Amino acid sequence: KIDYKYYCEYCNGNSYKDFIPKILGTVSKESLEAIHKRKMELYPSFLGKARMNEGLFSLIRTIRGSWTVALATTASRNNVLDILGRFSVRDCFDILVTKEDVARVKPDPECFLRAMEKAGVSREDTLIFEDSETGLLAAKASGADYLRVYGYS
């Protein structure tokens, strides 16, 4: 059993390759991949448990049209499309950058840099909203300004 605080601090925004061994101890590569595969199978059935950050999406809807809005994540494209579809918010984003678009995951800033490149903007003209510790490290490393977005307690 993992409590919400532990999840936020150690799992959210991190690769399963990093946090599962911390939870279970030594895990073979095969077992780790089997766990990940099962998670991917179960993920769609748990979308009903997800909650939208209404404040963040209110801000996104306000700036949309005046700013290019990108979603830069190192989650899989399928998971991203599933969650955006669940809340009918795919149209809030001009650009999507997912794990499949980058060679390195957060805390490497590559996903943010790729989004800036696709948008044709500089670091100085970028504001990143981030909710995880790993993502904050990536945002800082990108050289852009960033704001921490808090989730639910």
C-alpha atoms as a PDB file:
ATOM      1  CA  LYS A   1       0.000   0.000   0.000  1.00  0.00           C
ATOM      2  CA  ILE A   2       1.364   3.405  -0.999  1.00  0.00           C
ATOM      3  CA  ASP A   3      -0.024   6.570   0.544  1.00  0.00           C
ATOM      4  CA  TYR A   4      -0.659   9.693  -1.497  1.00  0.00           C
ATOM      5  CA  LYS A   5       2.231  11.678   0.004  1.00  0.00           C
ATOM      6  CA  TYR A   6       4.711   8.897  -0.803  1.00  0.00           C
ATOM      7  CA  TYR A   7       3.305   8.658  -4.333  1.00  0.00           C
ATOM      8  CA  CYS A   8       3.706  12.420  -4.886  1.00  0.00           C
ATOM      9  CA  GLU A   9       7.253  12.515  -3.544  1.00  0.00           C
ATOM     10  CA  TYR A  10       8.710   9.350  -5.020  1.00  0.00           C
ATOM     11  CA  CYS A  11       6.527   8.065  -7.874  1.00  0.00           C
ATOM     12  CA  ASN A  12       4.773  10.960  -9.642  1.00  0.00           C
ATOM     13  CA  GLY A  13       6.835  12.087 -12.597  1.00  0.00           C
ATOM     14  CA  ASN A  14       9.430   9.355 -12.172  1.00  0.00           C
ATOM     15  CA  SER A  15      10.059   6.283 -14.265  1.00  0.00           C
ATOM     16  CA  TYR A  16       8.706   2.990 -12.972  1.00  0.00           C
ATOM     17  CA  LYS A  17      12.264   1.728 -13.427  1.00  0.00           C
ATOM     18  CA  ASP A  18      13.269   4.031 -10.582  1.00  0.00           C
ATOM     19  CA  PHE A  19      10.383   3.825  -8.119  1.00  0.00           C
ATOM     20  CA  ILE A  20       9.233   0.188  -8.305  1.00  0.00           C
ATOM     21  CA  PRO A  21      12.558  -1.199  -6.998  1.00  0.00           C
ATOM     22  CA  LYS A  22      12.353   1.297  -4.117  1.00  0.00           C
ATOM     23  CA  ILE A  23       8.937  -0.112  -3.205  1.00  0.00           C
ATOM     24  CA  LEU A  24       9.583  -3.814  -3.806  1.00  0.00           C
ATOM     25  CA  GLY A  25      13.329  -4.117  -3.319  1.00  0.00           C
ATOM     26  CA  THR A  26      15.466  -6.009  -5.809  1.00  0.00           C
ATOM     27  CA  VAL A  27      13.380  -6.816  -8.892  1.00  0.00           C
ATOM     28  CA  SER A  28      14.574  -8.678 -11.964  1.00  0.00           C
ATOM     29  CA  LYS A  29      14.390  -6.859 -15.289  1.00  0.00           C
ATOM     30  CA  GLU A  30      11.779  -9.377 -16.455  1.00  0.00           C
ATOM     31  CA  SER A  31       9.600  -8.839 -13.371  1.00  0.00           C
ATOM     32  CA  LEU A  32       9.926  -5.073 -13.688  1.00  0.00           C
ATOM     33  CA  GLU A  33       8.778  -5.208 -17.313  1.00  0.00           C
ATOM     34  CA  ALA A  34       5.910  -7.564 -16.400  1.00  0.00           C
ATOM     35  CA  ILE A  35       4.743  -5.109 -13.731  1.00  0.00           C
ATOM     36  CA  HIS A  36       4.912  -2.252 -16.220  1.00  0.00           C
ATOM     37  CA  LYS A  37       3.028  -4.233 -18.862  1.00  0.00           C
ATOM     38  CA  ARG A  38       0.286  -5.036 -16.349  1.00  0.00           C
ATOM     39  CA  LYS A  39       0.069  -1.370 -15.326  1.00  0.00           C
ATOM     40  CA  MET A  40      -0.397  -0.409 -18.969  1.00  0.00           C
ATOM     41  CA  GLU A  41      -3.187  -2.999 -19.299  1.00  0.00           C
ATOM     42  CA  LEU A  42      -4.963  -1.704 -16.177  1.00  0.00           C
ATOM     43  CA  TYR A  43      -4.441   2.030 -16.753  1.00  0.00           C
ATOM     44  CA  PRO A  44      -7.568   2.656 -18.880  1.00  0.00           C
ATOM     45  CA  SER A  45      -9.841   1.013 -16.302  1.00  0.00           C
ATOM     46  CA  PHE A  46      -8.690   3.497 -13.629  1.00  0.00           C
ATOM     47  CA  LEU A  47      -9.250   6.698 -15.627  1.00  0.00           C
ATOM     48  CA  GLY A  48     -12.496   7.213 -13.740  1.00  0.00           C
ATOM     49  CA  LYS A  49     -10.440   7.792 -10.564  1.00  0.00           C
ATOM     50  CA  ALA A  50      -8.482  10.673 -12.119  1.00  0.00           C
ATOM     51  CA  ARG A  51      -9.343  14.244 -11.211  1.00  0.00           C
ATOM     52  CA  MET A  52      -8.732  17.305 -13.329  1.00  0.00           C
ATOM     53  CA  ASN A  53      -6.842  20.261 -11.913  1.00  0.00           C
ATOM     54  CA  GLU A  54      -9.633  22.753 -12.624  1.00  0.00           C
ATOM     55  CA  GLY A  55      -7.543  25.816 -11.712  1.00  0.00           C
ATOM     56  CA  LEU A  56      -4.790  24.896 -14.141  1.00  0.00           C
ATOM     57  CA  PHE A  57      -7.217  24.160 -16.961  1.00  0.00           C
ATOM     58  CA  SER A  58      -9.051  27.422 -16.333  1.00  0.00           C
ATOM     59  CA  LEU A  59      -5.730  29.226 -16.798  1.00  0.00           C
ATOM     60  CA  ILE A  60      -4.915  27.198 -19.928  1.00  0.00           C
ATOM     61  CA  ARG A  61      -8.292  28.031 -21.461  1.00  0.00           C
ATOM     62  CA  THR A  62      -7.733  31.716 -20.660  1.00  0.00           C
ATOM     63  CA  ILE A  63      -4.328  31.946 -22.339  1.00  0.00           C
ATOM     64  CA  ARG A  64      -5.164  29.624 -25.249  1.00  0.00           C
ATOM     65  CA  GLY A  65      -5.192  31.637 -28.446  1.00  0.00           C
ATOM     66  CA  SER A  66      -2.837  34.296 -27.091  1.00  0.00           C
ATOM     67  CA  TRP A  67      -0.089  31.792 -26.299  1.00  0.00           C
ATOM     68  CA  THR A  68       0.982  28.513 -27.853  1.00  0.00           C
ATOM     69  CA  VAL A  69       0.103  25.851 -25.293  1.00  0.00           C
ATOM     70  CA  ALA A  70       2.132  22.647 -25.238  1.00  0.00           C
ATOM     71  CA  LEU A  71       1.943  19.554 -23.108  1.00  0.00           C
ATOM     72  CA  ALA A  72       5.452  18.175 -22.530  1.00  0.00           C
ATOM     73  CA  THR A  73       5.583  14.920 -20.637  1.00  0.00           C
ATOM     74  CA  THR A  74       7.608  11.756 -20.539  1.00  0.00           C
ATOM     75  CA  ALA A  75       4.467   9.666 -20.096  1.00  0.00           C
ATOM     76  CA  SER A  76       3.505   7.470 -23.022  1.00  0.00           C
ATOM     77  CA  ARG A  77       1.464   8.985 -25.856  1.00  0.00           C
ATOM     78  CA  ASN A  78      -1.296   6.398 -25.308  1.00  0.00           C
ATOM     79  CA  ASN A  79      -1.644   7.317 -21.617  1.00  0.00           C
ATOM     80  CA  VAL A  80      -1.626  11.018 -22.459  1.00  0.00           C
ATOM     81  CA  LEU A  81      -4.313  10.636 -25.122  1.00  0.00           C
ATOM     82  CA  ASP A  82      -6.389   8.469 -22.766  1.00  0.00           C
ATOM     83  CA  ILE A  83      -6.362  11.044 -19.956  1.00  0.00           C
ATOM     84  CA  LEU A  84      -6.911  14.024 -22.269  1.00  0.00           C
ATOM     85  CA  GLY A  85      -9.812  12.158 -23.851  1.00  0.00           C
ATOM     86  CA  ARG A  86     -11.263  11.293 -20.433  1.00  0.00           C
ATOM     87  CA  PHE A  87     -11.615  15.015 -19.684  1.00  0.00           C
ATOM     88  CA  SER A  88     -12.234  16.164 -23.274  1.00  0.00           C
ATOM     89  CA  VAL A  89      -9.287  18.571 -23.152  1.00  0.00           C
ATOM     90  CA  ARG A  90      -7.140  17.468 -26.101  1.00  0.00           C
ATOM     91  CA  ASP A  91      -8.065  20.680 -27.894  1.00  0.00           C
ATOM     92  CA  CYS A  92      -6.487  22.751 -25.086  1.00  0.00           C
ATOM     93  CA  PHE A  93      -3.027  21.925 -26.448  1.00  0.00           C
ATOM     94  CA  ASP A  94      -1.426  23.057 -29.682  1.00  0.00           C
ATOM     95  CA  ILE A  95       1.552  20.731 -29.220  1.00  0.00           C
ATOM     96  CA  LEU A  96       2.026  17.352 -27.547  1.00  0.00           C
ATOM     97  CA  VAL A  97       5.476  16.030 -26.698  1.00  0.00           C
ATOM     98  CA  THR A  98       5.500  12.572 -25.109  1.00  0.00           C
ATOM     99  CA  LYS A  99       7.994   9.862 -24.175  1.00  0.00           C
ATOM    100  CA  GLU A 100       8.016   8.626 -27.752  1.00  0.00           C
ATOM    101  CA  ASP A 101       9.332  12.020 -28.950  1.00  0.00           C
ATOM    102  CA  VAL A 102      12.445  12.122 -26.760  1.00  0.00           C
ATOM    103  CA  ALA A 103      15.514  10.023 -26.027  1.00  0.00           C
ATOM    104  CA  ARG A 104      15.785  11.036 -22.365  1.00  0.00           C
ATOM    105  CA  VAL A 105      13.067  11.318 -19.703  1.00  0.00           C
ATOM    106  CA  LYS A 106      12.698  13.834 -16.906  1.00  0.00           C
ATOM    107  CA  PRO A 107      14.642  15.078 -14.997  1.00  0.00           C
ATOM    108  CA  ASP A 108      16.370  15.663 -18.325  1.00  0.00           C
ATOM    109  CA  PRO A 109      14.811  18.795 -19.890  1.00  0.00           C
ATOM    110  CA  GLU A 110      14.602  17.313 -23.396  1.00  0.00           C
ATOM    111  CA  CYS A 111      10.774  17.182 -23.496  1.00  0.00           C
ATOM    112  CA  PHE A 112      10.524  20.878 -22.611  1.00  0.00           C
ATOM    113  CA  LEU A 113      13.233  21.838 -25.086  1.00  0.00           C
ATOM    114  CA  ARG A 114      11.502  19.810 -27.814  1.00  0.00           C
ATOM    115  CA  ALA A 115       8.184  21.572 -27.083  1.00  0.00           C
ATOM    116  CA  MET A 116       9.900  24.964 -27.313  1.00  0.00           C
ATOM    117  CA  GLU A 117      11.471  23.934 -30.608  1.00  0.00           C
ATOM    118  CA  LYS A 118       8.113  22.804 -32.023  1.00  0.00           C
ATOM    119  CA  ALA A 119       6.491  26.049 -30.860  1.00  0.00           C
ATOM    120  CA  GLY A 120       9.324  28.126 -32.305  1.00  0.00           C
ATOM    121  CA  VAL A 121       9.912  29.941 -29.006  1.00  0.00           C
ATOM    122  CA  SER A 122      12.933  30.625 -26.840  1.00  0.00           C
ATOM    123  CA  ARG A 123      13.467  29.714 -23.208  1.00  0.00           C
ATOM    124  CA  GLU A 124      12.937  33.375 -22.358  1.00  0.00           C
ATOM    125  CA  ASP A 125       9.451  33.270 -23.902  1.00  0.00           C
ATOM    126  CA  THR A 126       8.408  30.048 -22.142  1.00  0.00           C
ATOM    127  CA  LEU A 127       6.577  29.412 -18.884  1.00  0.00           C
ATOM    128  CA  ILE A 128       6.408  25.811 -17.660  1.00  0.00           C
ATOM    129  CA  PHE A 129       3.750  24.519 -15.259  1.00  0.00           C
ATOM    130  CA  GLU A 130       4.991  21.434 -13.410  1.00  0.00           C
ATOM    131  CA  ASP A 131       3.606  19.251 -10.631  1.00  0.00           C
ATOM    132  CA  SER A 132       6.350  16.746  -9.789  1.00  0.00           C
ATOM    133  CA  GLU A 133       9.761  17.042  -8.178  1.00  0.00           C
ATOM    134  CA  THR A 134      11.362  15.322 -11.169  1.00  0.00           C
ATOM    135  CA  GLY A 135       9.541  17.653 -13.542  1.00  0.00           C
ATOM    136  CA  LEU A 136      10.665  20.693 -11.553  1.00  0.00           C
ATOM    137  CA  LEU A 137      14.282  19.576 -11.962  1.00  0.00           C
ATOM    138  CA  ALA A 138      13.699  19.258 -15.709  1.00  0.00           C
ATOM    139  CA  ALA A 139      11.976  22.644 -15.892  1.00  0.00           C
ATOM    140  CA  LYS A 140      14.832  24.326 -14.050  1.00  0.00           C
ATOM    141  CA  ALA A 141      17.395  22.622 -16.298  1.00  0.00           C
ATOM    142  CA  SER A 142      15.531  23.858 -19.390  1.00  0.00           C
ATOM    143  CA  GLY A 143      16.418  27.456 -18.578  1.00  0.00           C
ATOM    144  CA  ALA A 144      12.776  28.583 -18.873  1.00  0.00           C
ATOM    145  CA  ASP A 145      10.698  30.168 -16.140  1.00  0.00           C
ATOM    146  CA  TYR A 146       8.453  27.716 -14.322  1.00  0.00           C
ATOM    147  CA  LEU A 147       5.680  27.540 -11.751  1.00  0.00           C
ATOM    148  CA  ARG A 148       4.920  24.648  -9.450  1.00  0.00           C
ATOM    149  CA  VAL A 149       1.389  23.328  -9.787  1.00  0.00           C
ATOM    150  CA  TYR A 150       0.068  21.630  -6.705  1.00  0.00           C
ATOM    151  CA  GLY A 151      -2.169  18.615  -6.955  1.00  0.00           C
ATOM    152  CA  TYR A 152      -4.777  17.403  -4.556  1.00  0.00           C
ATOM    153  CA  SER A 153      -4.181  16.597  -0.910  1.00  0.00           C
END
